[in-house]
Amino acid sequence: MPVITLPQGRLNVRVAGPEESGRPPVVFLHPILADGALWRPVADRLAEQGVRSYAPDWPLGSHTLPLEPAADRSPAGVAGMVSDFLAALDLRDVTLVGNDTGGAIAQYVVDAGDERVSRVVLMNCDAFDVFPPFLVNLILGPLRSVLAGRIALLPMRLRPVRHSWLGFGLLAKSLPAELTRSWIEPALRDRRIRFDLSRLLRNVRPAELQGVTSRLARATVPITVLWGTGDRVFRPSLGRRLADTIGTDLVPVDRARTLLALDAPDAVVAAIRAAA
């Protein structure tokens, strides 16, 4: 897996699709406690259509390469990494795709006015002061502590716990056990990863995202809002509010939950292609 070195640290990056492609590149942003492997069903389909995509393991708790000590461990700091990543690879005319926490990060990137981003697809994500949603906040609370975070994650090694509503169970209709296990292991094994995650969570500011989301009404790039209607974490009403604020239509995905890349990869591909 390629590794990209940025001022904030190193990133593992999954790359799919032809090196020489006439289509706009796609860059994926995943949730907290997930990594770029989430996007494989979508990336593989896009590659078959000649689209090159990049799925980095952003420093959101499932990364294996810890950040540099001075790195900005905040949503705005991760958004800065996204912009530095695009610049490091000299990617232009980018389609930025964000889900869950990744959708919030994408909003920060748009708010900062990165000119390399030409269009955005937001899917079942934090928005306004819903950052994180109530149910997720209950689960993430202990992870704000480096020590308590490890204790809270230990039961997740058991698949029934990991796939319950206390873990990933509400996020998708079908969850590959090997994938979800890989998402919790880095934070369990490495104190530095737990430190990155705990500082990020402590720097989450719902009022800050409220301002960022509200300013999307002035965004100069088109934004697609794709939303799974079966989501009990990021409810459809939040998606409709987000779409109304942006001034666009909500694209519903019937019965899908939060992780659309797993529940409805074809719908995600269609939205990306339509946006581009």
C-alpha atoms as a PDB file:
ATOM      1  CA  MET A   1       0.000   0.000   0.000  1.00  0.00           C
ATOM      2  CA  PRO A   2       1.477   3.399  -0.929  1.00  0.00           C
ATOM      3  CA  VAL A   3       2.446   5.744   1.898  1.00  0.00           C
ATOM      4  CA  ILE A   4       2.207   9.514   1.492  1.00  0.00           C
ATOM      5  CA  THR A   5       4.265  11.748   3.790  1.00  0.00           C
ATOM      6  CA  LEU A   6       2.647  15.030   4.820  1.00  0.00           C
ATOM      7  CA  PRO A   7       3.763  17.649   7.367  1.00  0.00           C
ATOM      8  CA  GLN A   8       1.278  16.188   9.892  1.00  0.00           C
ATOM      9  CA  GLY A   9       2.419  12.588   9.425  1.00  0.00           C
ATOM     10  CA  ARG A  10       2.243   9.642   7.044  1.00  0.00           C
ATOM     11  CA  LEU A  11      -0.877   8.196   5.439  1.00  0.00           C
ATOM     12  CA  ASN A  12      -1.520   4.743   4.026  1.00  0.00           C
ATOM     13  CA  VAL A  13      -3.435   5.174   0.773  1.00  0.00           C
ATOM     14  CA  ARG A  14      -5.464   2.662  -1.225  1.00  0.00           C
ATOM     15  CA  VAL A  15      -5.403   3.578  -4.900  1.00  0.00           C
ATOM     16  CA  ALA A  16      -7.697   2.067  -7.524  1.00  0.00           C
ATOM     17  CA  GLY A  17      -8.283   2.708 -11.206  1.00  0.00           C
ATOM     18  CA  PRO A  18      -6.048   3.526 -14.171  1.00  0.00           C
ATOM     19  CA  GLU A  19      -3.067   5.803 -13.629  1.00  0.00           C
ATOM     20  CA  GLU A  20      -3.929   7.692 -16.793  1.00  0.00           C
ATOM     21  CA  SER A  21      -7.603   8.569 -16.652  1.00  0.00           C
ATOM     22  CA  GLY A  22      -9.497  11.312 -18.391  1.00  0.00           C
ATOM     23  CA  ARG A  23     -12.099  11.347 -15.645  1.00  0.00           C
ATOM     24  CA  PRO A  24     -11.953  13.484 -12.484  1.00  0.00           C
ATOM     25  CA  PRO A  25     -10.153  11.763  -9.587  1.00  0.00           C
ATOM     26  CA  VAL A  26     -12.132  10.752  -6.509  1.00  0.00           C
ATOM     27  CA  VAL A  27     -10.872  11.139  -2.935  1.00  0.00           C
ATOM     28  CA  PHE A  28     -12.735   9.373  -0.117  1.00  0.00           C
ATOM     29  CA  LEU A  29     -13.157  10.484   3.511  1.00  0.00           C
ATOM     30  CA  HIS A  30     -14.223   7.783   5.973  1.00  0.00           C
ATOM     31  CA  PRO A  31     -15.798   7.878   9.482  1.00  0.00           C
ATOM     32  CA  ILE A  32     -14.155   7.749  12.893  1.00  0.00           C
ATOM     33  CA  LEU A  33     -13.047   4.173  13.722  1.00  0.00           C
ATOM     34  CA  ALA A  34     -12.895   3.144  10.067  1.00  0.00           C
ATOM     35  CA  ASP A  35     -10.288   3.292   7.321  1.00  0.00           C
ATOM     36  CA  GLY A  36      -9.997   3.482   3.564  1.00  0.00           C
ATOM     37  CA  ALA A  37     -10.929  -0.187   3.163  1.00  0.00           C
ATOM     38  CA  LEU A  38     -14.537   0.889   3.692  1.00  0.00           C
ATOM     39  CA  TRP A  39     -14.573   2.244   0.152  1.00  0.00           C
ATOM     40  CA  ARG A  40     -13.332  -0.880  -1.658  1.00  0.00           C
ATOM     41  CA  PRO A  41     -16.748  -1.874  -3.127  1.00  0.00           C
ATOM     42  CA  VAL A  42     -17.142   1.630  -4.563  1.00  0.00           C
ATOM     43  CA  ALA A  43     -13.524   2.048  -5.660  1.00  0.00           C
ATOM     44  CA  ASP A  44     -13.551  -1.280  -7.518  1.00  0.00           C
ATOM     45  CA  ARG A  45     -16.690  -0.326  -9.428  1.00  0.00           C
ATOM     46  CA  LEU A  46     -15.288   3.079 -10.310  1.00  0.00           C
ATOM     47  CA  ALA A  47     -12.040   1.475 -11.486  1.00  0.00           C
ATOM     48  CA  GLU A  48     -14.010  -0.714 -13.891  1.00  0.00           C
ATOM     49  CA  GLN A  49     -15.411   2.504 -15.364  1.00  0.00           C
ATOM     50  CA  GLY A  50     -11.972   4.073 -15.765  1.00  0.00           C
ATOM     51  CA  VAL A  51     -12.096   6.329 -12.676  1.00  0.00           C
ATOM     52  CA  ARG A  52      -9.033   6.608 -10.444  1.00  0.00           C
ATOM     53  CA  SER A  53      -9.731   6.932  -6.734  1.00  0.00           C
ATOM     54  CA  TYR A  54      -7.781   7.447  -3.523  1.00  0.00           C
ATOM     55  CA  ALA A  55      -8.851   6.120  -0.119  1.00  0.00           C
ATOM     56  CA  PRO A  56      -6.362   7.233   2.559  1.00  0.00           C
ATOM     57  CA  ASP A  57      -6.468   5.982   6.134  1.00  0.00           C
ATOM     58  CA  TRP A  58      -7.185   9.345   7.731  1.00  0.00           C
ATOM     59  CA  PRO A  59      -6.115   9.748  11.397  1.00  0.00           C
ATOM     60  CA  LEU A  60      -9.557   9.008  12.845  1.00  0.00           C
ATOM     61  CA  GLY A  61      -8.746   6.093  15.133  1.00  0.00           C
ATOM     62  CA  SER A  62      -8.223   3.142  12.781  1.00  0.00           C
ATOM     63  CA  HIS A  63      -5.014   4.438  11.192  1.00  0.00           C
ATOM     64  CA  THR A  64      -1.783   2.535  11.816  1.00  0.00           C
ATOM     65  CA  LEU A  65       0.669   5.422  11.322  1.00  0.00           C
ATOM     66  CA  PRO A  66       0.466   7.899  14.233  1.00  0.00           C
ATOM     67  CA  LEU A  67       0.565  11.635  13.620  1.00  0.00           C
ATOM     68  CA  GLU A  68       3.581  13.819  14.299  1.00  0.00           C
ATOM     69  CA  PRO A  69       3.587  15.306  17.826  1.00  0.00           C
ATOM     70  CA  ALA A  70       2.831  18.852  16.633  1.00  0.00           C
ATOM     71  CA  ALA A  71       0.007  17.869  14.268  1.00  0.00           C
ATOM     72  CA  ASP A  72      -3.355  19.602  14.609  1.00  0.00           C
ATOM     73  CA  ARG A  73      -5.674  16.910  15.960  1.00  0.00           C
ATOM     74  CA  SER A  74      -8.986  18.584  15.249  1.00  0.00           C
ATOM     75  CA  PRO A  75     -11.599  18.352  12.481  1.00  0.00           C
ATOM     76  CA  ALA A  76     -10.153  21.492  10.906  1.00  0.00           C
ATOM     77  CA  GLY A  77      -6.681  19.971  11.232  1.00  0.00           C
ATOM     78  CA  VAL A  78      -7.753  16.797   9.423  1.00  0.00           C
ATOM     79  CA  ALA A  79      -9.334  18.991   6.733  1.00  0.00           C
ATOM     80  CA  GLY A  80      -5.947  20.655   6.388  1.00  0.00           C
ATOM     81  CA  MET A  81      -4.413  17.217   5.858  1.00  0.00           C
ATOM     82  CA  VAL A  82      -6.927  16.578   3.086  1.00  0.00           C
ATOM     83  CA  SER A  83      -5.834  19.745   1.308  1.00  0.00           C
ATOM     84  CA  ASP A  84      -2.154  18.882   1.837  1.00  0.00           C
ATOM     85  CA  PHE A  85      -2.816  15.394   0.434  1.00  0.00           C
ATOM     86  CA  LEU A  86      -4.397  16.821  -2.719  1.00  0.00           C
ATOM     87  CA  ALA A  87      -1.456  19.171  -3.137  1.00  0.00           C
ATOM     88  CA  ALA A  88       1.152  16.448  -2.499  1.00  0.00           C
ATOM     89  CA  LEU A  89      -0.303  14.321  -5.315  1.00  0.00           C
ATOM     90  CA  ASP A  90      -1.126  17.397  -7.416  1.00  0.00           C
ATOM     91  CA  LEU A  91      -4.733  16.230  -7.777  1.00  0.00           C
ATOM     92  CA  ARG A  92      -7.062  18.667  -9.526  1.00  0.00           C
ATOM     93  CA  ASP A  93     -10.745  18.737 -10.460  1.00  0.00           C
ATOM     94  CA  VAL A  94     -11.315  16.414  -7.495  1.00  0.00           C
ATOM     95  CA  THR A  95     -14.592  14.781  -6.496  1.00  0.00           C
ATOM     96  CA  LEU A  96     -14.499  14.698  -2.688  1.00  0.00           C
ATOM     97  CA  VAL A  97     -16.708  12.008  -1.118  1.00  0.00           C
ATOM     98  CA  GLY A  98     -17.418  12.025   2.627  1.00  0.00           C
ATOM     99  CA  ASN A  99     -19.481   9.749   4.852  1.00  0.00           C
ATOM    100  CA  ASP A 100     -20.248  10.052   8.583  1.00  0.00           C
ATOM    101  CA  THR A 101     -17.321  11.953  10.184  1.00  0.00           C
ATOM    102  CA  GLY A 102     -15.749  12.134   6.727  1.00  0.00           C
ATOM    103  CA  GLY A 103     -18.722  14.175   5.584  1.00  0.00           C
ATOM    104  CA  ALA A 104     -18.053  16.708   8.329  1.00  0.00           C
ATOM    105  CA  ILE A 105     -14.387  16.882   7.315  1.00  0.00           C
ATOM    106  CA  ALA A 106     -15.443  17.441   3.699  1.00  0.00           C
ATOM    107  CA  GLN A 107     -17.544  20.406   4.831  1.00  0.00           C
ATOM    108  CA  TYR A 108     -14.493  21.935   6.522  1.00  0.00           C
ATOM    109  CA  VAL A 109     -12.513  21.493   3.278  1.00  0.00           C
ATOM    110  CA  VAL A 110     -15.230  23.246   1.264  1.00  0.00           C
ATOM    111  CA  ASP A 111     -15.474  26.014   3.859  1.00  0.00           C
ATOM    112  CA  ALA A 112     -11.719  26.612   3.563  1.00  0.00           C
ATOM    113  CA  GLY A 113     -12.127  27.061  -0.192  1.00  0.00           C
ATOM    114  CA  ASP A 114      -9.709  24.427  -1.530  1.00  0.00           C
ATOM    115  CA  GLU A 115      -9.557  25.149  -5.260  1.00  0.00           C
ATOM    116  CA  ARG A 116      -8.517  21.590  -6.107  1.00  0.00           C
ATOM    117  CA  VAL A 117     -12.002  20.363  -5.144  1.00  0.00           C
ATOM    118  CA  SER A 118     -14.543  20.752  -7.951  1.00  0.00           C
ATOM    119  CA  ARG A 119     -17.490  18.826  -6.504  1.00  0.00           C
ATOM    120  CA  VAL A 120     -18.531  17.096  -3.281  1.00  0.00           C
ATOM    121  CA  VAL A 121     -20.735  14.129  -2.409  1.00  0.00           C
ATOM    122  CA  LEU A 122     -21.971  14.084   1.209  1.00  0.00           C
ATOM    123  CA  MET A 123     -23.543  10.897   2.542  1.00  0.00           C
ATOM    124  CA  ASN A 124     -25.230  10.330   5.934  1.00  0.00           C
ATOM    125  CA  CYS A 125     -22.937  12.576   7.918  1.00  0.00           C
ATOM    126  CA  ASP A 126     -22.542  14.994  10.791  1.00  0.00           C
ATOM    127  CA  ALA A 127     -23.974  18.419  10.031  1.00  0.00           C
ATOM    128  CA  PHE A 128     -24.947  21.570  11.913  1.00  0.00           C
ATOM    129  CA  ASP A 129     -24.633  20.856  15.651  1.00  0.00           C
ATOM    130  CA  VAL A 130     -25.196  17.116  15.226  1.00  0.00           C
ATOM    131  CA  PHE A 131     -21.529  16.332  15.798  1.00  0.00           C
ATOM    132  CA  PRO A 132     -21.598  13.511  16.720  1.00  0.00           C
ATOM    133  CA  PRO A 133     -25.187  12.221  16.897  1.00  0.00           C
ATOM    134  CA  PHE A 134     -26.528  11.332  20.337  1.00  0.00           C
ATOM    135  CA  LEU A 135     -26.199   7.544  20.008  1.00  0.00           C
ATOM    136  CA  VAL A 136     -22.665   7.793  18.646  1.00  0.00           C
ATOM    137  CA  ASN A 137     -21.673  10.274  21.338  1.00  0.00           C
ATOM    138  CA  LEU A 138     -22.586   7.716  24.010  1.00  0.00           C
ATOM    139  CA  ILE A 139     -20.228   5.203  22.424  1.00  0.00           C
ATOM    140  CA  LEU A 140     -17.388   7.628  21.695  1.00  0.00           C
ATOM    141  CA  GLY A 141     -17.413   9.238  25.131  1.00  0.00           C
ATOM    142  CA  PRO A 142     -14.871   6.863  26.757  1.00  0.00           C
ATOM    143  CA  LEU A 143     -12.568   7.199  23.742  1.00  0.00           C
ATOM    144  CA  ARG A 144     -11.794  10.778  24.769  1.00  0.00           C
ATOM    145  CA  SER A 145      -9.440   9.209  27.315  1.00  0.00           C
ATOM    146  CA  VAL A 146      -6.374   7.244  26.217  1.00  0.00           C
ATOM    147  CA  LEU A 147      -6.727   4.735  29.075  1.00  0.00           C
ATOM    148  CA  ALA A 148     -10.518   4.457  29.203  1.00  0.00           C
ATOM    149  CA  GLY A 149     -10.543   4.176  25.415  1.00  0.00           C
ATOM    150  CA  ARG A 150      -8.636   0.911  25.467  1.00  0.00           C
ATOM    151  CA  ILE A 151     -10.880  -0.500  28.181  1.00  0.00           C
ATOM    152  CA  ALA A 152     -13.961   0.471  26.165  1.00  0.00           C
ATOM    153  CA  LEU A 153     -12.604  -1.121  22.988  1.00  0.00           C
ATOM    154  CA  LEU A 154     -11.570  -4.459  24.522  1.00  0.00           C
ATOM    155  CA  PRO A 155     -15.110  -5.985  24.410  1.00  0.00           C
ATOM    156  CA  MET A 156     -15.253  -5.050  20.721  1.00  0.00           C
ATOM    157  CA  ARG A 157     -12.929  -7.935  19.951  1.00  0.00           C
ATOM    158  CA  LEU A 158     -16.021 -10.093  20.323  1.00  0.00           C
ATOM    159  CA  ARG A 159     -18.058 -10.014  17.132  1.00  0.00           C
ATOM    160  CA  PRO A 160     -21.486  -9.973  18.881  1.00  0.00           C
ATOM    161  CA  VAL A 161     -20.478  -6.859  20.810  1.00  0.00           C
ATOM    162  CA  ARG A 162     -18.759  -5.237  17.835  1.00  0.00           C
ATOM    163  CA  HIS A 163     -21.839  -5.725  15.641  1.00  0.00           C
ATOM    164  CA  SER A 164     -24.353  -4.673  18.278  1.00  0.00           C
ATOM    165  CA  TRP A 165     -25.734  -1.147  18.643  1.00  0.00           C
ATOM    166  CA  LEU A 166     -22.849  -0.520  21.054  1.00  0.00           C
ATOM    167  CA  GLY A 167     -20.477  -0.983  18.112  1.00  0.00           C
ATOM    168  CA  PHE A 168     -21.038  -0.850  14.374  1.00  0.00           C
ATOM    169  CA  GLY A 169     -24.407  -2.606  14.318  1.00  0.00           C
ATOM    170  CA  LEU A 170     -26.545   0.440  13.530  1.00  0.00           C
ATOM    171  CA  LEU A 171     -24.325   1.590  10.682  1.00  0.00           C
ATOM    172  CA  ALA A 172     -24.913  -1.060   8.002  1.00  0.00           C
ATOM    173  CA  LYS A 173     -27.205  -3.989   7.228  1.00  0.00           C
ATOM    174  CA  SER A 174     -24.270  -6.289   6.564  1.00  0.00           C
ATOM    175  CA  LEU A 175     -20.895  -5.906   8.234  1.00  0.00           C
ATOM    176  CA  PRO A 176     -17.832  -7.998   7.291  1.00  0.00           C
ATOM    177  CA  ALA A 177     -16.439  -9.240  10.615  1.00  0.00           C
ATOM    178  CA  GLU A 178     -12.831  -9.141   9.416  1.00  0.00           C
ATOM    179  CA  LEU A 179     -13.228  -5.524   8.312  1.00  0.00           C
ATOM    180  CA  THR A 180     -14.750  -4.275  11.564  1.00  0.00           C
ATOM    181  CA  ARG A 181     -12.125  -6.154  13.594  1.00  0.00           C
ATOM    182  CA  SER A 182      -9.397  -4.399  11.603  1.00  0.00           C
ATOM    183  CA  TRP A 183     -10.954  -1.043  12.500  1.00  0.00           C
ATOM    184  CA  ILE A 184     -10.560  -1.462  16.262  1.00  0.00           C
ATOM    185  CA  GLU A 185      -7.161  -3.173  16.402  1.00  0.00           C
ATOM    186  CA  PRO A 186      -4.896  -0.133  15.781  1.00  0.00           C
ATOM    187  CA  ALA A 187      -6.326   1.773  18.762  1.00  0.00           C
ATOM    188  CA  LEU A 188      -6.194  -1.335  20.932  1.00  0.00           C
ATOM    189  CA  ARG A 189      -2.563  -2.072  20.103  1.00  0.00           C
ATOM    190  CA  ASP A 190      -1.010   1.382  19.935  1.00  0.00           C
ATOM    191  CA  ARG A 191      -1.300   4.075  22.593  1.00  0.00           C
ATOM    192  CA  ARG A 192      -0.234   6.694  20.033  1.00  0.00           C
ATOM    193  CA  ILE A 193      -3.285   5.919  17.896  1.00  0.00           C
ATOM    194  CA  ARG A 194      -5.544   6.230  20.956  1.00  0.00           C
ATOM    195  CA  PHE A 195      -3.897   9.560  21.707  1.00  0.00           C
ATOM    196  CA  ASP A 196      -4.629  10.825  18.175  1.00  0.00           C
ATOM    197  CA  LEU A 197      -8.258   9.712  18.493  1.00  0.00           C
ATOM    198  CA  SER A 198      -8.766  11.092  21.994  1.00  0.00           C
ATOM    199  CA  ARG A 199      -7.432  14.529  21.040  1.00  0.00           C
ATOM    200  CA  LEU A 200      -9.575  14.601  17.915  1.00  0.00           C
ATOM    201  CA  LEU A 201     -12.704  13.814  19.920  1.00  0.00           C
ATOM    202  CA  ARG A 202     -11.842  16.449  22.511  1.00  0.00           C
ATOM    203  CA  ASN A 203     -11.536  18.997  19.702  1.00  0.00           C
ATOM    204  CA  VAL A 204     -14.960  18.273  18.205  1.00  0.00           C
ATOM    205  CA  ARG A 205     -17.020  21.463  18.485  1.00  0.00           C
ATOM    206  CA  PRO A 206     -20.702  21.174  17.474  1.00  0.00           C
ATOM    207  CA  ALA A 207     -21.053  24.976  17.386  1.00  0.00           C
ATOM    208  CA  GLU A 208     -18.097  25.181  15.010  1.00  0.00           C
ATOM    209  CA  LEU A 209     -19.629  22.691  12.586  1.00  0.00           C
ATOM    210  CA  GLN A 210     -22.919  24.576  12.862  1.00  0.00           C
ATOM    211  CA  GLY A 211     -21.185  27.587  11.332  1.00  0.00           C
ATOM    212  CA  VAL A 212     -19.367  25.507   8.707  1.00  0.00           C
ATOM    213  CA  THR A 213     -22.537  23.742   7.555  1.00  0.00           C
ATOM    214  CA  SER A 214     -24.546  26.965   7.471  1.00  0.00           C
ATOM    215  CA  ARG A 215     -21.960  28.549   5.181  1.00  0.00           C
ATOM    216  CA  LEU A 216     -22.390  25.767   2.605  1.00  0.00           C
ATOM    217  CA  ALA A 217     -25.214  27.880   1.210  1.00  0.00           C
ATOM    218  CA  ARG A 218     -22.428  30.067  -0.215  1.00  0.00           C
ATOM    219  CA  ALA A 219     -20.312  27.188  -1.544  1.00  0.00           C
ATOM    220  CA  THR A 220     -18.916  27.734  -5.043  1.00  0.00           C
ATOM    221  CA  VAL A 221     -18.797  24.008  -5.882  1.00  0.00           C
ATOM    222  CA  PRO A 222     -21.790  21.709  -6.484  1.00  0.00           C
ATOM    223  CA  ILE A 223     -22.647  19.468  -3.537  1.00  0.00           C
ATOM    224  CA  THR A 224     -24.650  16.250  -3.829  1.00  0.00           C
ATOM    225  CA  VAL A 225     -26.472  14.997  -0.724  1.00  0.00           C
ATOM    226  CA  LEU A 226     -26.969  11.211  -0.851  1.00  0.00           C
ATOM    227  CA  TRP A 227     -28.796   9.727   2.137  1.00  0.00           C
ATOM    228  CA  GLY A 228     -29.737   6.243   3.298  1.00  0.00           C
ATOM    229  CA  THR A 229     -33.333   6.435   4.479  1.00  0.00           C
ATOM    230  CA  GLY A 230     -33.006   3.478   6.876  1.00  0.00           C
ATOM    231  CA  ASP A 231     -30.404   5.235   9.026  1.00  0.00           C
ATOM    232  CA  ARG A 232     -31.257   5.517  12.726  1.00  0.00           C
ATOM    233  CA  VAL A 233     -28.054   7.422  13.529  1.00  0.00           C
ATOM    234  CA  PHE A 234     -28.076  10.161  10.865  1.00  0.00           C
ATOM    235  CA  ARG A 235     -31.807  10.426  10.298  1.00  0.00           C
ATOM    236  CA  PRO A 236     -33.308  11.444   6.943  1.00  0.00           C
ATOM    237  CA  SER A 237     -34.574  14.684   8.497  1.00  0.00           C
ATOM    238  CA  LEU A 238     -30.944  15.760   8.991  1.00  0.00           C
ATOM    239  CA  GLY A 239     -30.205  14.996   5.340  1.00  0.00           C
ATOM    240  CA  ARG A 240     -33.201  17.032   4.183  1.00  0.00           C
ATOM    241  CA  ARG A 241     -32.142  19.963   6.353  1.00  0.00           C
ATOM    242  CA  LEU A 242     -28.628  19.758   4.923  1.00  0.00           C
ATOM    243  CA  ALA A 243     -29.880  19.637   1.336  1.00  0.00           C
ATOM    244  CA  ASP A 244     -32.246  22.563   1.950  1.00  0.00           C
ATOM    245  CA  THR A 245     -29.404  24.643   3.388  1.00  0.00           C
ATOM    246  CA  ILE A 246     -27.173  23.929   0.397  1.00  0.00           C
ATOM    247  CA  GLY A 247     -30.049  24.524  -2.020  1.00  0.00           C
ATOM    248  CA  THR A 248     -30.024  21.107  -3.651  1.00  0.00           C
ATOM    249  CA  ASP A 249     -32.212  18.004  -3.782  1.00  0.00           C
ATOM    250  CA  LEU A 250     -31.784  15.111  -1.383  1.00  0.00           C
ATOM    251  CA  VAL A 251     -30.987  11.879  -3.238  1.00  0.00           C
ATOM    252  CA  PRO A 252     -32.542   9.082  -1.124  1.00  0.00           C
ATOM    253  CA  VAL A 253     -31.226   5.522  -0.974  1.00  0.00           C
ATOM    254  CA  ASP A 254     -34.119   3.369   0.156  1.00  0.00           C
ATOM    255  CA  ARG A 255     -33.555   1.386   3.383  1.00  0.00           C
ATOM    256  CA  ALA A 256     -29.783   1.922   3.392  1.00  0.00           C
ATOM    257  CA  ARG A 257     -28.080   2.870   6.646  1.00  0.00           C
ATOM    258  CA  THR A 258     -25.040   5.026   7.419  1.00  0.00           C
ATOM    259  CA  LEU A 259     -22.282   3.176   5.554  1.00  0.00           C
ATOM    260  CA  LEU A 260     -23.599   3.446   2.011  1.00  0.00           C
ATOM    261  CA  ALA A 261     -20.372   2.034   0.584  1.00  0.00           C
ATOM    262  CA  LEU A 262     -21.377  -1.287   2.167  1.00  0.00           C
ATOM    263  CA  ASP A 263     -25.181  -1.099   1.896  1.00  0.00           C
ATOM    264  CA  ALA A 264     -25.527   0.508  -1.550  1.00  0.00           C
ATOM    265  CA  PRO A 265     -22.224   0.790  -3.451  1.00  0.00           C
ATOM    266  CA  ASP A 266     -23.969   1.053  -6.827  1.00  0.00           C
ATOM    267  CA  ALA A 267     -25.938   4.076  -5.619  1.00  0.00           C
ATOM    268  CA  VAL A 268     -22.729   5.714  -4.430  1.00  0.00           C
ATOM    269  CA  VAL A 269     -21.046   5.088  -7.785  1.00  0.00           C
ATOM    270  CA  ALA A 270     -24.037   6.513  -9.629  1.00  0.00           C
ATOM    271  CA  ALA A 271     -23.988   9.656  -7.462  1.00  0.00           C
ATOM    272  CA  ILE A 272     -20.258  10.155  -8.009  1.00  0.00           C
ATOM    273  CA  ARG A 273     -20.574   9.720 -11.762  1.00  0.00           C
ATOM    274  CA  ALA A 274     -23.596  12.030 -11.934  1.00  0.00           C
ATOM    275  CA  ALA A 275     -21.779  14.698  -9.919  1.00  0.00           C
ATOM    276  CA  ALA A 276     -18.800  14.565 -12.298  1.00  0.00           C
END
